[in-house]
Amino acid sequence: MSAKTFEVSPDGITWAVMPGNDASVDLEGEDLDTTVFGSDFNSSITGIISHSFSANAMFRETAGYNARIRKTGTATAFTNEATTVNGDWYEITDRAKSVFDYEAGLIVEDGSGVVAASNIDEIDFLHGRVKFVDGYSVSGAVTLSGEYMPVTTFGCFNSFDLTQSSETIETGCFETVGANGGYQLYKPTLRDVSVDAEGFYQTSSDFAQILQNRDRFIIEFDVEGDGENLARGYFRIGSDGYSGGPGGDETESVSFSLFVPEGVKPFSWRFGSNSKAPQGLIWTIEAWENKTNLFFRYSPEGTSGQTFSGEAVITDCSISTAVDSLAEASVSGQGTGAFTINPAP
């Protein structure tokens, strides 16, 4: 018997292993009661079938103590900063200036002058990058001008849980469910991001005062500490608590809730060209962030046995880490559409 595998894919063509050691796939058929008068036993038939999966996934290359949590400081102006192409994005090359102040706006220029807003598809102020609309031809070098906010470590934290979840709604109708063999369809709706962090109490952190002031700020989560796997978002403190005993260190627990500025993307990930994160985990996070479906394939007996496959909406890809452990994601997917049983080759 070959080793069991759980794989994911953004397109159903190119696959990567989900880098974990625990996975499950579940099918559940809806019970339709068919019990009639005169029956001595309850009776039912199977209606719509739903499927789902759950798995863990690890950042396998780096111990947890390398992680960093950082907070933004005072905005500083920058002018005509160079950019580097990363996929569809033009990113500010000097990554120390990559958190932009959205309130200051951003001027994007190329060889033809200032780029019109109609030619800009998206500005990601959290990661200092811009994406142009399809069909726009860049002329010469792209430069950026605006204000950036430096980031520094804070809090003396030794663990954090980054919750990334998504709600779903059913979208199946007679035509679609009837055509796919009776499987329910789903699509993602509202997403939620929150953080629970714990560490040693220190006066300089001043979280209670920040909560009283109702301050809002950008927090950066650097999972491997090298700047290649960054999650950033606009947060506020939701709660702040203290605990400890005689002769022991005082522990502080802080929860952060997402704040969504109007017209600005409130939370996003950036994976650099030198990221050591496994591809399967990157695809999973991107599917949750972009609200796109993820294909999955489970092989309980390895590639030599039958496999189960389908398409899913990512409903959870929360990440936890601590100084004495690996960073690990808890992944859940709500299946949408048909579930396929593929016979052994």
Protein backbone atom coordinates (compact mmCIF):
# COMPACT_ATOMS: atom_id res chain seq x y z
CA MET A 1 0.00 0.00 0.00
CA SER A 2 1.30 3.44 -0.94
CA ALA A 3 1.41 6.24 1.61
CA LYS A 4 -1.91 8.08 1.91
CA THR A 5 -2.04 11.59 0.47
CA PHE A 6 -4.24 14.68 0.64
CA GLU A 7 -3.69 17.14 -2.21
CA VAL A 8 -5.10 20.49 -3.25
CA SER A 9 -5.17 22.45 -6.49
CA PRO A 10 -6.32 25.91 -7.61
CA ASP A 11 -7.44 24.63 -11.02
CA GLY A 12 -7.87 20.85 -10.81
CA ILE A 13 -4.82 20.37 -13.03
CA THR A 14 -1.72 21.19 -11.00
CA TRP A 15 -1.64 19.55 -7.56
CA ALA A 16 0.38 19.93 -4.37
CA VAL A 17 0.32 17.97 -1.13
CA MET A 18 -1.39 19.57 1.84
CA PRO A 19 1.61 19.65 4.23
CA GLY A 20 -0.01 18.04 7.27
CA ASN A 21 -0.46 14.72 9.03
CA ASP A 22 -4.21 14.65 9.63
CA ALA A 23 -7.06 14.86 7.13
CA SER A 24 -10.65 13.72 6.80
CA VAL A 25 -13.30 13.79 4.09
CA ASP A 26 -16.99 13.48 4.98
CA LEU A 27 -20.19 12.88 3.02
CA GLU A 28 -23.65 13.50 4.48
CA GLY A 29 -26.94 12.72 2.79
CA GLU A 30 -30.11 14.57 3.71
CA ASP A 31 -32.83 12.32 5.16
CA LEU A 32 -36.22 12.70 3.44
CA ASP A 33 -38.93 11.09 5.57
CA THR A 34 -41.10 8.61 3.62
CA THR A 35 -42.94 7.05 6.57
CA VAL A 36 -46.65 6.62 5.81
CA PHE A 37 -49.76 5.49 7.65
CA GLY A 38 -49.78 1.78 8.43
CA SER A 39 -45.96 1.57 8.77
CA ASP A 40 -44.31 -0.18 11.73
CA PHE A 41 -40.88 1.32 10.91
CA ASN A 42 -39.65 4.76 9.98
CA SER A 43 -38.66 5.11 6.35
CA SER A 44 -36.55 7.64 4.46
CA ILE A 45 -34.72 8.22 1.21
CA THR A 46 -31.54 10.19 0.54
CA GLY A 47 -31.95 13.72 -0.75
CA ILE A 48 -29.25 16.31 -1.37
CA ILE A 49 -25.71 15.21 -0.46
CA SER A 50 -23.12 17.57 1.02
CA HIS A 51 -19.42 16.92 1.43
CA SER A 52 -16.59 18.58 3.32
CA PHE A 53 -12.98 18.14 4.35
CA SER A 54 -10.70 19.12 7.19
CA ALA A 55 -6.93 18.95 7.48
CA ASN A 56 -3.94 20.46 9.18
CA ALA A 57 -1.05 22.10 7.35
CA MET A 58 2.37 23.08 8.65
CA PHE A 59 4.99 25.68 7.86
CA ARG A 60 7.53 22.86 7.90
CA GLU A 61 10.80 24.73 7.32
CA THR A 62 10.97 27.06 10.32
CA ALA A 63 10.61 26.70 14.09
CA GLY A 64 7.95 28.85 15.74
CA TYR A 65 10.36 31.07 17.66
CA ASN A 66 11.26 32.81 14.39
CA ALA A 67 7.78 34.37 14.10
CA ARG A 68 7.35 38.08 14.74
CA ILE A 69 4.39 40.37 15.43
CA ARG A 70 4.91 43.99 14.44
CA LYS A 71 2.95 47.23 14.69
CA THR A 72 3.03 50.36 12.55
CA GLY A 73 4.46 53.71 13.65
CA THR A 74 4.26 57.30 12.39
CA ALA A 75 3.80 57.88 8.66
CA THR A 76 6.71 59.29 6.64
CA ALA A 77 6.62 60.64 3.08
CA PHE A 78 8.40 58.92 0.17
CA THR A 79 8.80 60.04 -3.44
CA ASN A 80 9.39 58.24 -6.74
CA GLU A 81 10.23 54.90 -5.14
CA ALA A 82 11.16 52.12 -7.56
CA THR A 83 9.01 49.01 -7.98
CA THR A 84 9.61 45.34 -8.69
CA VAL A 85 7.23 43.00 -10.53
CA ASN A 86 5.86 40.10 -8.47
CA GLY A 87 3.20 38.21 -10.39
CA ASP A 88 0.50 40.71 -11.41
CA TRP A 89 1.71 43.28 -8.87
CA TYR A 90 4.15 46.17 -9.04
CA GLU A 91 5.61 46.27 -5.51
CA ILE A 92 7.72 48.92 -3.89
CA THR A 93 11.27 47.58 -4.03
CA ASP A 94 12.31 48.94 -0.64
CA ARG A 95 10.26 46.57 1.52
CA ALA A 96 10.98 48.63 4.65
CA LYS A 97 8.54 51.17 3.14
CA SER A 98 5.88 48.67 2.09
CA VAL A 99 3.08 49.64 4.50
CA PHE A 100 1.35 52.61 2.88
CA ASP A 101 -0.88 55.13 4.66
CA TYR A 102 -4.17 54.93 2.76
CA GLU A 103 -5.28 58.30 4.13
CA ALA A 104 -2.38 59.98 2.31
CA GLY A 105 -3.27 58.37 -1.01
CA LEU A 106 -0.79 57.09 -3.60
CA ILE A 107 0.60 58.57 -6.82
CA VAL A 108 1.48 55.95 -9.42
CA GLU A 109 3.65 56.97 -12.37
CA ASP A 110 5.26 55.28 -15.34
CA GLY A 111 7.20 56.63 -18.32
CA SER A 112 4.10 58.43 -19.58
CA GLY A 113 3.45 60.31 -16.34
CA VAL A 114 0.81 59.83 -13.66
CA VAL A 115 -1.28 56.72 -14.27
CA ALA A 116 -5.01 57.48 -14.35
CA ALA A 117 -7.16 55.86 -11.66
CA SER A 118 -9.19 54.15 -14.39
CA ASN A 119 -6.07 52.18 -15.36
CA ILE A 120 -5.44 50.93 -11.82
CA ASP A 121 -7.24 47.75 -10.88
CA GLU A 122 -6.21 47.61 -7.22
CA ILE A 123 -3.93 49.27 -4.69
CA ASP A 124 -2.88 47.11 -1.74
CA PHE A 125 -1.84 49.71 0.83
CA LEU A 126 -0.98 46.97 3.32
CA HIS A 127 1.81 45.53 1.17
CA GLY A 128 2.87 48.51 -0.91
CA ARG A 129 1.80 47.32 -4.33
CA VAL A 130 -0.40 48.19 -7.26
CA LYS A 131 -2.10 46.16 -9.98
CA PHE A 132 -3.11 47.59 -13.37
CA VAL A 133 -6.27 46.76 -15.29
CA ASP A 134 -6.10 44.19 -18.07
CA GLY A 135 -5.04 45.77 -21.32
CA TYR A 136 -3.02 48.62 -19.80
CA SER A 137 0.46 48.80 -21.31
CA VAL A 138 3.08 50.01 -18.86
CA SER A 139 5.49 52.52 -20.33
CA GLY A 140 8.94 52.61 -18.73
CA ALA A 141 9.62 52.26 -15.01
CA VAL A 142 6.76 52.35 -12.51
CA THR A 143 7.35 54.56 -9.45
CA LEU A 144 5.28 55.28 -6.37
CA SER A 145 4.90 58.34 -4.14
CA GLY A 146 2.98 58.61 -0.90
CA GLU A 147 3.52 57.93 2.79
CA TYR A 148 4.70 54.73 4.49
CA MET A 149 4.55 53.55 8.08
CA PRO A 150 7.54 51.70 9.57
CA VAL A 151 6.86 48.51 11.55
CA THR A 152 8.51 47.39 14.79
CA THR A 153 8.04 44.37 17.04
CA PHE A 154 5.85 44.83 20.10
CA GLY A 155 4.14 43.00 22.92
CA CYS A 156 6.70 40.36 24.02
CA PHE A 157 4.26 37.71 22.76
CA ASN A 158 5.13 34.02 22.85
CA SER A 159 2.09 32.64 20.99
CA PHE A 160 -0.72 33.77 18.74
CA ASP A 161 -3.80 32.35 17.03
CA LEU A 162 -4.78 34.04 13.77
CA THR A 163 -8.38 33.15 12.95
CA GLN A 164 -9.32 33.29 9.26
CA SER A 165 -12.84 32.05 8.59
CA SER A 166 -15.59 32.46 6.04
CA GLU A 167 -19.35 32.07 6.08
CA THR A 168 -21.17 30.30 3.25
CA ILE A 169 -24.61 30.22 1.72
CA GLU A 170 -26.34 27.53 -0.31
CA THR A 171 -26.75 28.34 -4.01
CA GLY A 172 -28.16 25.11 -5.45
CA CYS A 173 -31.26 25.19 -7.62
CA PHE A 174 -33.22 22.56 -9.56
CA GLU A 175 -31.07 22.94 -12.67
CA THR A 176 -27.65 22.93 -11.00
CA VAL A 177 -28.25 20.30 -8.31
CA GLY A 178 -30.18 18.12 -10.73
CA ALA A 179 -27.32 18.27 -13.22
CA ASN A 180 -24.54 17.35 -10.76
CA GLY A 181 -26.15 14.25 -9.28
CA GLY A 182 -27.82 15.86 -6.29
CA TYR A 183 -24.94 17.67 -4.54
CA GLN A 184 -25.50 21.01 -2.81
CA LEU A 185 -23.58 24.08 -4.01
CA TYR A 186 -22.13 26.83 -1.82
CA LYS A 187 -20.40 30.17 -2.18
CA PRO A 188 -18.41 32.20 0.39
CA THR A 189 -19.84 35.37 1.87
CA LEU A 190 -18.51 37.35 4.85
CA ARG A 191 -15.00 36.58 6.06
CA ASP A 192 -13.72 37.13 9.57
CA VAL A 193 -10.23 37.78 10.89
CA SER A 194 -9.24 38.02 14.54
CA VAL A 195 -6.16 37.42 16.66
CA ASP A 196 -5.60 36.10 20.17
CA ALA A 197 -2.05 36.66 21.40
CA GLU A 198 -0.40 35.83 24.70
CA GLY A 199 2.90 36.90 26.20
CA PHE A 200 4.68 38.32 29.21
CA TYR A 201 3.34 41.50 30.74
CA GLN A 202 5.51 44.56 30.28
CA THR A 203 4.58 48.15 31.09
CA SER A 204 5.87 49.48 27.78
CA SER A 205 3.25 47.53 25.80
CA ASP A 206 0.49 49.69 27.29
CA PHE A 207 -2.34 47.62 25.79
CA ALA A 208 -4.89 48.75 28.37
CA GLN A 209 -4.29 52.39 27.43
CA ILE A 210 -4.48 51.56 23.72
CA LEU A 211 -7.86 49.90 24.35
CA GLN A 212 -9.09 52.88 26.37
CA ASN A 213 -8.01 55.22 23.58
CA ARG A 214 -9.83 53.03 21.04
CA ASP A 215 -6.77 53.24 18.80
CA ARG A 216 -6.64 51.50 15.42
CA PHE A 217 -3.42 50.40 13.74
CA ILE A 218 -1.88 47.93 11.31
CA ILE A 219 -0.45 44.68 12.66
CA GLU A 220 1.99 42.51 10.72
CA PHE A 221 2.27 38.75 11.29
CA ASP A 222 5.58 37.43 9.99
CA VAL A 223 5.10 33.67 10.29
CA GLU A 224 8.69 32.65 9.59
CA GLY A 225 10.42 35.89 10.55
CA ASP A 226 12.06 36.48 7.18
CA GLY A 227 9.50 38.78 5.57
CA GLU A 228 8.51 36.21 2.95
CA ASN A 229 5.15 35.15 4.46
CA LEU A 230 3.39 38.27 5.71
CA ALA A 231 -0.19 38.83 6.81
CA ARG A 232 -1.18 42.42 7.54
CA GLY A 233 -4.43 44.01 8.57
CA TYR A 234 -6.15 46.96 10.25
CA PHE A 235 -6.93 46.04 13.85
CA ARG A 236 -8.14 47.36 17.16
CA ILE A 237 -7.83 45.78 20.61
CA GLY A 238 -10.98 43.95 21.66
CA SER A 239 -9.89 42.77 25.10
CA ASP A 240 -6.87 42.82 27.39
CA GLY A 241 -6.38 40.53 30.39
CA TYR A 242 -3.74 39.75 33.01
CA SER A 243 -3.02 36.66 35.09
CA GLY A 244 -0.28 35.34 37.33
CA GLY A 245 0.57 33.85 40.69
CA PRO A 246 3.07 34.41 43.52
CA GLY A 247 6.64 34.14 42.31
CA GLY A 248 5.63 33.71 38.65
CA ASP A 249 5.73 35.91 35.60
CA GLU A 250 2.64 37.93 34.79
CA THR A 251 0.91 36.85 31.59
CA GLU A 252 -1.02 39.22 29.35
CA SER A 253 -3.64 38.03 26.87
CA VAL A 254 -4.74 40.40 24.13
CA SER A 255 -7.38 39.93 21.46
CA PHE A 256 -7.42 41.97 18.27
CA SER A 257 -10.46 42.49 16.02
CA LEU A 258 -10.42 43.60 12.41
CA PHE A 259 -11.35 47.18 11.48
CA VAL A 260 -12.44 47.74 7.86
CA PRO A 261 -11.68 51.22 6.43
CA GLU A 262 -14.14 52.28 3.77
CA GLY A 263 -12.95 51.42 0.26
CA VAL A 264 -9.69 49.81 1.45
CA LYS A 265 -8.74 46.14 1.56
CA PRO A 266 -8.54 45.50 5.33
CA PHE A 267 -6.43 42.34 5.43
CA SER A 268 -4.14 40.55 2.99
CA TRP A 269 -1.27 38.11 2.62
CA ARG A 270 1.94 38.45 0.64
CA PHE A 271 4.17 35.50 -0.23
CA GLY A 272 7.60 36.55 -1.45
CA SER A 273 9.62 34.88 -4.19
CA ASN A 274 11.79 33.20 -1.53
CA SER A 275 8.92 31.93 0.61
CA LYS A 276 9.53 28.55 2.21
CA ALA A 277 5.82 27.97 2.80
CA PRO A 278 4.56 24.75 1.13
CA GLN A 279 2.68 25.39 -2.11
CA GLY A 280 -0.42 23.54 -0.96
CA LEU A 281 -0.74 25.81 2.06
CA ILE A 282 -0.17 28.95 -0.02
CA TRP A 283 -2.94 27.91 -2.43
CA THR A 284 -5.27 27.27 0.49
CA ILE A 285 -4.68 30.70 2.05
CA GLU A 286 -5.05 32.39 -1.36
CA ALA A 287 -8.34 30.54 -2.02
CA TRP A 288 -9.73 31.80 1.30
CA GLU A 289 -8.46 35.35 0.73
CA ASN A 290 -9.67 35.60 -2.88
CA LYS A 291 -12.96 33.73 -2.27
CA THR A 292 -12.13 31.17 -4.95
CA ASN A 293 -12.81 27.45 -4.82
CA LEU A 294 -10.06 24.94 -4.05
CA PHE A 295 -9.96 21.46 -5.57
CA PHE A 296 -9.07 18.60 -3.22
CA ARG A 297 -8.08 14.96 -3.73
CA TYR A 298 -7.86 12.39 -0.93
CA SER A 299 -6.15 9.04 -1.43
CA PRO A 300 -6.60 6.84 1.68
CA GLU A 301 -4.47 4.07 0.15
CA GLY A 302 -2.07 6.30 -1.71
CA THR A 303 -1.79 6.69 -5.46
CA SER A 304 -2.26 2.94 -5.99
CA GLY A 305 -5.82 2.94 -4.57
CA GLN A 306 -9.09 4.72 -5.21
CA THR A 307 -9.30 8.46 -4.56
CA PHE A 308 -12.03 10.89 -3.56
CA SER A 309 -12.09 14.34 -5.11
CA GLY A 310 -14.17 17.48 -5.26
CA GLU A 311 -14.26 21.24 -5.10
CA ALA A 312 -14.61 23.26 -1.90
CA VAL A 313 -15.06 26.71 -0.42
CA ILE A 314 -12.42 27.33 2.25
CA THR A 315 -14.33 28.08 5.44
CA ASP A 316 -11.35 28.12 7.79
CA CYS A 317 -7.57 28.38 7.49
CA SER A 318 -6.63 29.67 10.92
CA ILE A 319 -2.95 29.69 11.91
CA SER A 320 -1.43 29.12 15.34
CA THR A 321 2.17 29.26 16.46
CA ALA A 322 4.28 29.56 19.60
CA VAL A 323 7.94 29.93 20.48
CA ASP A 324 8.19 26.18 21.17
CA SER A 325 6.23 24.80 18.20
CA LEU A 326 5.76 24.94 14.44
CA ALA A 327 3.30 27.32 12.83
CA GLU A 328 0.31 25.22 11.87
CA ALA A 329 -2.91 25.90 9.98
CA SER A 330 -6.27 24.31 10.69
CA VAL A 331 -8.05 24.01 7.34
CA SER A 332 -11.71 23.28 6.61
CA GLY A 333 -13.49 23.20 3.28
CA GLN A 334 -17.21 23.09 2.50
CA GLY A 335 -17.65 20.97 -0.59
CA THR A 336 -19.57 22.52 -3.45
CA GLY A 337 -20.92 20.54 -6.37
CA ALA A 338 -20.21 16.94 -7.30
CA PHE A 339 -18.10 14.53 -5.26
CA THR A 340 -16.16 12.02 -7.37
CA ILE A 341 -15.05 8.51 -6.48
CA ASN A 342 -12.12 7.64 -8.71
CA PRO A 343 -11.36 3.90 -8.99
CA ALA A 344 -7.88 2.53 -8.39
CA PRO A 345 -5.65 2.70 -11.49
